Amino acid sequence: MFNHFQEVESFFVERKSLGIKPGLDRVKELLRLLGNPQDMLKAIHIAGTNGKGSTLSFLKNALQANGYHVGVFTSPSFFGLTGYMFKDDQAIPEDVFVEICNRIYPFIIQLDNRDMAPTEFEIITAVAFVYFTRQTDIVLVEAGMGGREDTTNCFQPILSIITNVDRDHTAFLGHRLEDIAYHKAGVIKQGSPVIIGDMDEAALEVINEEVRLKRTKSYQLGNEFIYKEFKNGHSFLFTHADDQIEADVSMYGEHQVKNASIALMTLLLLKQVGYKLDMERSCVGLRRTQVPGRFEVVREQPMIILDGAHNPAGVQAFLNTVSQSFANQEKHLIFAAFKDKDLKTMQGQLQRQFSSIIFTSFDHPRAAQVADLKAAGGKKNNEYQPDWHHVIEYILTQKSGNYFITGSLHFITEVRKYLNV
């Protein structure tokens, strides 16, 4: 049992050694022993290769603008163990985390003895579901990896969202879009509609087959609902059937307009099942949405922007936003990523827009080292710096310029901490 939060932290550090183990048997059994707290929740499940966090944030802010108490489960965490779960923008208090862990601990030991040892993330998920049974009107659950076998895929949602499908986590999900779509489609449940974002035809075919098998209804961006951008890409007109909504986003990039459109479609479906939502208030919530590490401006002199573009699709969205918002300006890039990502493709994408590129590394077992980055296809004019701290210190001595720091969200998390963001 645990007396202090530091003891809980040490326990989870030890639990990391179990790694990632796809499958739902362990987490479902742990939740059963806890009385199935997930069944007491009204929740939305959000899956997708990119855009999950932004879509979740748009939804959260819109719901809060209408007076709802919103629980959020998200990963990775920017704020340690407590940063996985929030209620109304407040991370779970450390003493509450300890209390819930003490409730769960005997069941963890029981499962360990049954050769069903739950992983670090499975236990965190169980903590979140127990926590959210306390004073939440609705919970937004972000899938960790994939969907079908993801730890979070253990509840019946009000509705599901699949933002998009692209190549990522290919060691676990497969290399073909159809294989990845199959995993994402696992969040679709019978009786719960699904909202689908931009989708490749091959991926869409797989998802539509899951919709048919589950005998539910789907709403796809570009078909059942559309958007039209205007005013420099920050404002747009959303249309679904007889509903037309003018909305604004403060975040950069057309991909954020797509994410906001998915959020608006979600809100309209929530209205249909009884949630009282004023769309003008909802749009205020959309407008004030900012997401850490998603084209996040953290300094202005010099301009420093952080973006967690950690796969080829994310890199392309990042580059589109850079070209739209910083055309004809000198731009410098700092990049670090996990070694199990598609480093060659991402490095090739990044070569064309920047005056200088520095590839670096960070402290994580999965982090790509300088040697990995060079082997993936480094160019002669690229610079390699093993210690990213030196790069940040240099940038902070500059009075002007545009510096983009991108790659792994874990790397971005470390940079945010270093800059006291």
Protein backbone atom coordinates (compact mmCIF):
# COMPACT_ATOMS: atom_id res chain seq x y z
CA MET A 1 0.00 0.00 0.00
CA PHE A 2 1.08 3.60 -0.57
CA ASN A 3 1.49 6.41 1.96
CA HIS A 4 2.86 9.10 -0.34
CA PHE A 5 2.58 10.06 -4.01
CA GLN A 6 6.32 9.51 -4.44
CA GLU A 7 5.78 5.83 -3.56
CA VAL A 8 3.11 5.62 -6.27
CA GLU A 9 5.52 7.19 -8.78
CA SER A 10 8.19 4.62 -7.91
CA PHE A 11 5.65 1.82 -8.35
CA PHE A 12 4.75 3.02 -11.84
CA VAL A 13 8.42 3.37 -12.82
CA GLU A 14 8.88 -0.31 -11.90
CA ARG A 15 5.72 -1.19 -13.83
CA LYS A 16 7.18 0.28 -17.04
CA SER A 17 9.29 -2.86 -17.35
CA LEU A 18 6.17 -4.73 -18.52
CA GLY A 19 6.16 -2.56 -21.65
CA ILE A 20 3.24 -2.41 -24.09
CA LYS A 21 1.07 -5.54 -24.23
CA PRO A 22 -1.86 -5.26 -26.66
CA GLY A 23 -5.07 -6.97 -25.62
CA LEU A 24 -7.94 -6.25 -23.27
CA ASP A 25 -8.10 -9.30 -20.98
CA ARG A 26 -5.99 -7.77 -18.21
CA VAL A 27 -7.64 -4.35 -18.06
CA LYS A 28 -11.15 -5.82 -18.31
CA GLU A 29 -10.45 -8.21 -15.44
CA LEU A 30 -8.98 -5.40 -13.33
CA LEU A 31 -12.06 -3.26 -13.99
CA ARG A 32 -14.36 -6.20 -13.19
CA LEU A 33 -12.68 -6.61 -9.81
CA LEU A 34 -13.27 -2.89 -9.24
CA GLY A 35 -16.99 -3.19 -10.00
CA ASN A 36 -16.79 -2.03 -13.64
CA PRO A 37 -16.61 1.73 -13.03
CA GLN A 38 -16.47 2.35 -16.80
CA ASP A 39 -20.10 1.19 -17.07
CA MET A 40 -21.19 4.06 -14.83
CA LEU A 41 -19.88 6.72 -17.22
CA LYS A 42 -21.30 8.62 -20.16
CA ALA A 43 -18.27 8.78 -22.42
CA ILE A 44 -17.03 9.47 -25.95
CA HIS A 45 -14.18 7.43 -27.44
CA ILE A 46 -11.76 9.28 -29.75
CA ALA A 47 -9.38 7.33 -32.01
CA GLY A 48 -7.29 8.30 -35.04
CA THR A 49 -3.69 8.60 -36.19
CA ASN A 50 -3.55 12.38 -35.73
CA GLY A 51 -5.91 15.03 -34.39
CA LYS A 52 -7.26 13.12 -31.39
CA GLY A 53 -5.94 15.57 -28.81
CA SER A 54 -7.09 18.68 -30.66
CA THR A 55 -10.57 17.26 -31.35
CA LEU A 56 -10.85 16.30 -27.69
CA SER A 57 -9.85 19.81 -26.61
CA PHE A 58 -12.37 21.48 -28.93
CA LEU A 59 -15.08 19.23 -27.51
CA LYS A 60 -14.03 19.76 -23.90
CA ASN A 61 -14.06 23.54 -24.18
CA ALA A 62 -17.40 23.60 -26.00
CA LEU A 63 -19.02 21.38 -23.36
CA GLN A 64 -17.54 23.40 -20.51
CA ALA A 65 -18.81 26.61 -22.13
CA ASN A 66 -22.27 25.07 -21.74
CA GLY A 67 -21.78 24.37 -18.03
CA TYR A 68 -20.93 20.65 -18.16
CA HIS A 69 -18.37 18.99 -15.89
CA VAL A 70 -16.02 17.19 -18.27
CA GLY A 71 -13.59 14.39 -17.52
CA VAL A 72 -10.64 13.92 -19.89
CA PHE A 73 -8.36 10.92 -20.31
CA THR A 74 -5.43 11.68 -22.62
CA SER A 75 -1.95 10.42 -23.46
CA PRO A 76 0.91 10.96 -23.47
CA SER A 77 0.95 13.09 -20.32
CA PHE A 78 2.64 16.48 -20.28
CA PHE A 79 2.52 16.61 -16.47
CA GLY A 80 3.64 13.28 -15.03
CA LEU A 81 1.25 10.66 -13.66
CA THR A 82 -1.51 13.10 -12.80
CA GLY A 83 -1.49 14.58 -16.30
CA TYR A 84 -3.36 11.66 -17.86
CA MET A 85 -6.70 12.57 -16.28
CA PHE A 86 -8.45 15.89 -15.76
CA LYS A 87 -11.76 17.13 -14.46
CA ASP A 88 -12.67 20.61 -15.67
CA ASP A 89 -9.04 21.37 -16.58
CA GLN A 90 -7.71 20.30 -13.19
CA ALA A 91 -5.42 17.27 -13.06
CA ILE A 92 -6.34 14.61 -10.53
CA PRO A 93 -4.97 15.66 -7.10
CA GLU A 94 -2.02 13.61 -5.90
CA ASP A 95 -3.78 12.53 -2.68
CA VAL A 96 -6.78 11.27 -4.68
CA PHE A 97 -4.44 9.40 -7.03
CA VAL A 98 -2.86 7.71 -3.99
CA GLU A 99 -6.27 6.87 -2.53
CA ILE A 100 -7.46 5.21 -5.75
CA CYS A 101 -4.18 3.33 -6.19
CA ASN A 102 -4.57 1.91 -2.67
CA ARG A 103 -8.03 0.69 -3.65
CA ILE A 104 -6.68 -0.93 -6.82
CA TYR A 105 -3.42 -2.34 -5.45
CA PRO A 106 -4.80 -5.59 -3.92
CA PHE A 107 -6.38 -6.47 -7.27
CA ILE A 108 -3.10 -5.74 -9.09
CA ILE A 109 -1.31 -8.21 -6.81
CA GLN A 110 -4.09 -10.74 -7.37
CA LEU A 111 -3.67 -10.44 -11.16
CA ASP A 112 0.12 -10.60 -10.87
CA ASN A 113 -0.27 -13.92 -9.07
CA ARG A 114 -2.58 -15.16 -11.82
CA ASP A 115 0.02 -14.38 -14.53
CA MET A 116 -2.17 -11.49 -15.77
CA ALA A 117 0.07 -8.66 -14.60
CA PRO A 118 -1.51 -5.34 -15.70
CA THR A 119 0.81 -2.86 -17.40
CA GLU A 120 1.52 0.69 -16.30
CA PHE A 121 -0.98 2.14 -18.79
CA GLU A 122 -3.67 -0.41 -17.91
CA ILE A 123 -3.47 0.59 -14.24
CA ILE A 124 -3.54 4.29 -15.14
CA THR A 125 -6.65 3.65 -17.25
CA ALA A 126 -8.34 1.90 -14.32
CA VAL A 127 -7.45 4.82 -12.01
CA ALA A 128 -9.04 7.21 -14.50
CA PHE A 129 -12.31 5.30 -14.78
CA VAL A 130 -12.64 5.09 -11.00
CA TYR A 131 -11.89 8.80 -10.70
CA PHE A 132 -14.40 9.84 -13.36
CA THR A 133 -17.29 8.21 -11.52
CA ARG A 134 -17.05 11.24 -9.22
CA GLN A 135 -18.92 14.34 -10.44
CA THR A 136 -18.54 14.24 -14.20
CA ASP A 137 -21.37 14.82 -16.67
CA ILE A 138 -19.44 13.41 -19.62
CA VAL A 139 -15.99 11.88 -20.19
CA LEU A 140 -13.75 12.19 -23.26
CA VAL A 141 -11.43 9.21 -23.69
CA GLU A 142 -8.52 9.41 -26.12
CA ALA A 143 -7.37 6.04 -27.46
CA GLY A 144 -3.69 5.40 -26.87
CA MET A 145 -2.63 3.25 -29.85
CA GLY A 146 -4.94 1.88 -32.52
CA GLY A 147 -8.32 1.14 -30.99
CA ARG A 148 -9.46 -2.47 -31.22
CA GLU A 149 -6.84 -3.81 -28.80
CA ASP A 150 -6.06 -0.51 -27.11
CA THR A 151 -6.36 -0.46 -23.32
CA THR A 152 -9.05 2.22 -23.46
CA ASN A 153 -11.37 0.08 -25.61
CA CYS A 154 -13.28 -1.35 -22.66
CA PHE A 155 -16.50 0.70 -22.44
CA GLN A 156 -19.70 1.40 -24.35
CA PRO A 157 -19.48 4.99 -25.65
CA ILE A 158 -22.27 7.45 -26.37
CA LEU A 159 -20.55 7.77 -29.74
CA SER A 160 -17.13 7.17 -31.24
CA ILE A 161 -14.84 9.38 -33.32
CA ILE A 162 -12.14 8.33 -35.80
CA THR A 163 -10.31 11.50 -36.85
CA ASN A 164 -8.21 9.91 -39.62
CA VAL A 165 -6.13 6.87 -40.54
CA ASP A 166 -2.48 6.99 -41.55
CA ARG A 167 0.70 5.02 -40.98
CA ASP A 168 1.97 5.04 -37.41
CA HIS A 169 2.87 2.38 -34.82
CA THR A 170 3.28 0.03 -37.77
CA ALA A 171 5.08 -2.60 -35.64
CA PHE A 172 1.83 -3.07 -33.73
CA LEU A 173 -0.85 -2.00 -36.22
CA GLY A 174 0.58 -3.11 -39.56
CA HIS A 175 1.92 -1.25 -42.59
CA ARG A 176 -1.19 -1.21 -44.79
CA LEU A 177 -3.83 1.46 -44.26
CA GLU A 178 -6.46 -1.28 -44.29
CA ASP A 179 -4.76 -3.00 -41.34
CA ILE A 180 -4.46 0.25 -39.38
CA ALA A 181 -8.09 1.14 -40.16
CA TYR A 182 -9.16 -2.26 -38.84
CA HIS A 183 -7.60 -1.41 -35.49
CA LYS A 184 -9.12 2.08 -35.39
CA ALA A 185 -12.53 0.70 -36.34
CA GLY A 186 -12.51 -1.38 -33.17
CA VAL A 187 -13.83 1.62 -31.21
CA ILE A 188 -17.13 1.42 -33.15
CA LYS A 189 -19.81 -0.19 -31.00
CA GLN A 190 -23.30 -1.44 -31.74
CA GLY A 191 -25.90 1.22 -30.99
CA SER A 192 -23.33 4.04 -30.88
CA PRO A 193 -22.87 6.25 -33.96
CA VAL A 194 -19.39 7.03 -35.26
CA ILE A 195 -18.06 10.31 -36.66
CA ILE A 196 -15.36 9.91 -39.31
CA GLY A 197 -12.88 12.54 -40.45
CA ASP A 198 -10.78 12.73 -43.64
CA MET A 199 -10.21 9.19 -44.80
CA ASP A 200 -8.34 7.35 -47.55
CA GLU A 201 -10.72 5.24 -49.65
CA ALA A 202 -9.10 1.94 -48.60
CA ALA A 203 -9.35 2.85 -44.91
CA LEU A 204 -12.91 4.12 -45.32
CA GLU A 205 -14.00 0.82 -46.85
CA VAL A 206 -12.77 -1.05 -43.76
CA ILE A 207 -14.47 1.38 -41.39
CA ASN A 208 -17.75 1.29 -43.32
CA GLU A 209 -17.71 -2.51 -43.10
CA GLU A 210 -17.38 -2.24 -39.31
CA VAL A 211 -20.27 0.23 -39.26
CA ARG A 212 -22.35 -2.30 -41.20
CA LEU A 213 -21.39 -5.18 -38.90
CA LYS A 214 -22.22 -3.14 -35.80
CA ARG A 215 -25.50 -1.95 -37.34
CA THR A 216 -24.90 1.65 -36.41
CA LYS A 217 -24.77 4.98 -38.23
CA SER A 218 -21.78 6.98 -39.47
CA TYR A 219 -21.27 10.67 -40.19
CA GLN A 220 -18.32 11.44 -42.44
CA LEU A 221 -16.58 14.75 -43.00
CA GLY A 222 -17.16 15.70 -46.64
CA ASN A 223 -20.44 13.78 -46.87
CA GLU A 224 -22.85 14.14 -43.94
CA PHE A 225 -21.11 17.35 -42.81
CA ILE A 226 -18.79 19.80 -44.55
CA TYR A 227 -16.84 22.98 -43.86
CA LYS A 228 -15.83 25.97 -45.92
CA GLU A 229 -12.87 28.10 -44.84
CA PHE A 230 -12.65 31.87 -45.06
CA LYS A 231 -10.80 34.78 -43.40
CA ASN A 232 -7.23 33.41 -43.51
CA GLY A 233 -8.23 29.90 -42.51
CA HIS A 234 -9.19 30.70 -38.91
CA SER A 235 -12.92 31.05 -39.63
CA PHE A 236 -15.18 28.55 -41.34
CA LEU A 237 -18.78 27.70 -42.13
CA PHE A 238 -19.90 24.30 -40.86
CA THR A 239 -22.90 22.65 -42.54
CA HIS A 240 -24.87 19.52 -41.61
CA ALA A 241 -28.39 19.01 -43.03
CA ASP A 242 -30.31 22.15 -42.00
CA ASP A 243 -27.65 23.30 -39.51
CA GLN A 244 -25.21 26.01 -40.54
CA ILE A 245 -22.74 27.33 -37.98
CA GLU A 246 -20.12 30.05 -38.39
CA ALA A 247 -17.13 29.29 -36.16
CA ASP A 248 -13.58 30.44 -35.48
CA VAL A 249 -10.46 28.65 -34.30
CA SER A 250 -7.36 30.34 -32.94
CA MET A 251 -5.10 27.37 -33.66
CA TYR A 252 -3.08 27.33 -36.88
CA GLY A 253 -3.77 25.06 -39.84
CA GLU A 254 -6.61 23.68 -41.93
CA HIS A 255 -6.32 20.37 -40.07
CA GLN A 256 -7.55 22.22 -36.97
CA VAL A 257 -10.62 23.41 -38.89
CA LYS A 258 -11.27 19.76 -39.74
CA ASN A 259 -10.90 18.78 -36.08
CA ALA A 260 -13.23 21.60 -35.01
CA SER A 261 -15.79 20.46 -37.61
CA ILE A 262 -15.69 16.95 -36.16
CA ALA A 263 -16.27 18.48 -32.72
CA LEU A 264 -19.29 20.44 -34.00
CA MET A 265 -20.80 17.29 -35.53
CA THR A 266 -20.30 15.56 -32.19
CA LEU A 267 -22.08 18.36 -30.36
CA LEU A 268 -25.06 18.15 -32.71
CA LEU A 269 -25.34 14.42 -32.04
CA LEU A 270 -25.10 15.04 -28.29
CA LYS A 271 -28.01 17.46 -28.61
CA GLN A 272 -30.02 14.67 -30.21
CA VAL A 273 -29.52 12.45 -27.14
CA GLY A 274 -30.54 15.11 -24.66
CA TYR A 275 -27.55 17.30 -23.90
CA LYS A 276 -28.58 20.95 -23.67
CA LEU A 277 -26.12 22.84 -25.83
CA ASP A 278 -26.17 26.42 -27.03
CA MET A 279 -24.10 26.50 -30.22
CA GLU A 280 -23.05 30.13 -29.74
CA ARG A 281 -21.54 29.20 -26.37
CA SER A 282 -20.02 26.12 -27.97
CA CYS A 283 -18.31 28.27 -30.59
CA VAL A 284 -16.82 30.46 -27.85
CA GLY A 285 -15.31 27.27 -26.46
CA LEU A 286 -13.89 26.35 -29.87
CA ARG A 287 -12.37 29.81 -30.29
CA ARG A 288 -10.47 29.70 -27.00
CA THR A 289 -9.02 26.24 -27.58
CA GLN A 290 -5.24 25.92 -27.50
CA VAL A 291 -3.52 22.55 -27.20
CA PRO A 292 -0.03 22.10 -25.72
CA GLY A 293 2.42 20.93 -28.35
CA ARG A 294 0.11 21.46 -31.35
CA PHE A 295 1.68 24.35 -33.30
CA GLU A 296 2.01 26.05 -29.93
CA VAL A 297 3.65 29.49 -29.83
CA VAL A 298 5.72 29.56 -26.62
CA ARG A 299 7.99 32.57 -27.34
CA GLU A 300 7.71 35.54 -29.68
CA GLN A 301 11.22 37.07 -29.66
CA PRO A 302 12.50 34.90 -31.13
CA MET A 303 9.41 33.07 -32.34
CA ILE A 304 9.48 29.50 -30.94
CA ILE A 305 6.74 27.09 -32.01
CA LEU A 306 6.33 23.54 -30.68
CA ASP A 307 4.49 20.88 -32.66
CA GLY A 308 4.25 17.15 -31.96
CA ALA A 309 4.49 16.00 -35.60
CA HIS A 310 5.56 12.42 -34.88
CA ASN A 311 4.57 10.55 -38.06
CA PRO A 312 4.54 11.34 -41.81
CA ALA A 313 0.91 12.53 -41.84
CA GLY A 314 1.54 14.78 -38.84
CA VAL A 315 4.69 16.16 -40.47
CA GLN A 316 2.76 16.96 -43.65
CA ALA A 317 0.06 18.82 -41.68
CA PHE A 318 2.81 20.68 -39.82
CA LEU A 319 4.55 21.65 -43.09
CA ASN A 320 1.29 22.83 -44.64
CA THR A 321 0.70 25.11 -41.67
CA VAL A 322 4.27 26.43 -41.77
CA SER A 323 3.99 27.29 -45.48
CA GLN A 324 0.59 28.96 -45.02
CA SER A 325 1.54 31.03 -41.98
CA PHE A 326 5.26 31.76 -42.47
CA ALA A 327 5.66 32.06 -46.24
CA ASN A 328 8.77 33.95 -47.43
CA GLN A 329 10.23 34.04 -43.90
CA GLU A 330 13.48 32.51 -42.68
CA LYS A 331 12.69 29.34 -40.75
CA HIS A 332 14.80 27.01 -38.60
CA LEU A 333 13.88 23.47 -37.53
CA ILE A 334 14.85 21.28 -34.57
CA PHE A 335 13.67 17.66 -34.79
CA ALA A 336 13.80 14.60 -32.53
CA ALA A 337 11.73 11.42 -32.74
CA PHE A 338 11.36 7.81 -31.65
CA LYS A 339 13.59 5.35 -33.48
CA ASP A 340 10.63 3.08 -34.33
CA LYS A 341 9.00 5.83 -36.43
CA ASP A 342 9.40 6.28 -40.19
CA LEU A 343 12.51 8.46 -39.83
CA LYS A 344 13.53 8.29 -43.50
CA THR A 345 10.17 9.54 -44.79
CA MET A 346 9.90 12.29 -42.18
CA GLN A 347 13.44 13.55 -42.78
CA GLY A 348 12.77 13.64 -46.51
CA GLN A 349 9.59 15.67 -45.96
CA LEU A 350 11.37 18.20 -43.76
CA GLN A 351 14.30 18.99 -46.06
CA ARG A 352 12.71 21.63 -48.28
CA GLN A 353 11.22 24.44 -46.18
CA PHE A 354 13.88 25.42 -43.67
CA SER A 355 17.02 27.53 -43.75
CA SER A 356 18.64 25.17 -41.26
CA ILE A 357 17.76 21.82 -39.68
CA ILE A 358 19.18 20.42 -36.46
CA PHE A 359 18.51 16.78 -35.66
CA THR A 360 18.85 15.93 -31.99
CA SER A 361 17.91 13.33 -29.39
CA PHE A 362 16.37 13.14 -25.91
CA ASP A 363 16.36 10.90 -22.86
CA HIS A 364 13.99 8.02 -23.59
CA PRO A 365 14.59 4.32 -24.33
CA ARG A 366 12.81 4.65 -27.70
CA ALA A 367 14.49 7.91 -28.73
CA ALA A 368 16.37 7.92 -32.05
CA GLN A 369 20.02 8.77 -31.49
CA VAL A 370 22.11 10.91 -33.82
CA ALA A 371 23.49 7.76 -35.46
CA ASP A 372 19.93 6.55 -36.18
CA LEU A 373 19.00 9.89 -37.74
CA LYS A 374 22.11 9.96 -39.92
CA ALA A 375 21.49 6.39 -41.06
CA ALA A 376 17.93 7.31 -42.04
CA GLY A 377 19.19 9.62 -44.76
CA GLY A 378 20.87 12.72 -43.41
CA LYS A 379 21.86 15.48 -45.82
CA LYS A 380 25.23 17.25 -45.89
CA ASN A 381 23.78 20.59 -44.83
CA ASN A 382 22.00 19.13 -41.78
CA GLU A 383 23.44 19.62 -38.30
CA TYR A 384 23.39 16.94 -35.60
CA GLN A 385 23.46 17.80 -31.90
CA PRO A 386 23.12 14.97 -29.36
CA ASP A 387 22.13 17.32 -26.51
CA TRP A 388 19.00 19.32 -27.33
CA HIS A 389 19.54 21.57 -24.28
CA HIS A 390 22.46 23.27 -26.07
CA VAL A 391 20.20 23.97 -29.05
CA ILE A 392 17.51 25.59 -26.89
CA GLU A 393 20.06 27.72 -25.05
CA TYR A 394 21.39 29.00 -28.38
CA ILE A 395 17.89 29.84 -29.61
CA LEU A 396 17.15 31.80 -26.43
CA THR A 397 20.14 34.09 -27.15
CA GLN A 398 18.58 35.17 -30.45
CA LYS A 399 16.52 38.38 -30.71
CA SER A 400 14.59 37.38 -33.83
CA GLY A 401 13.88 34.48 -36.17
CA ASN A 402 11.37 31.64 -36.43
CA TYR A 403 12.29 28.38 -34.70
CA PHE A 404 10.14 25.25 -35.04
CA ILE A 405 10.71 22.39 -32.62
CA THR A 406 8.93 19.21 -33.65
CA GLY A 407 8.88 15.43 -33.52
CA SER A 408 7.96 13.13 -30.65
CA LEU A 409 5.37 14.42 -28.17
CA HIS A 410 7.65 13.08 -25.43
CA PHE A 411 10.41 15.35 -26.76
CA ILE A 412 8.02 18.30 -26.94
CA THR A 413 7.00 17.60 -23.33
CA GLU A 414 10.62 17.84 -22.21
CA VAL A 415 11.14 21.10 -24.13
CA ARG A 416 7.98 22.63 -22.58
CA LYS A 417 9.27 21.76 -19.11
CA TYR A 418 12.67 23.25 -19.88
CA LEU A 419 11.09 26.48 -21.11
CA ASN A 420 8.74 26.59 -18.09
CA VAL A 421 5.70 26.67 -20.36
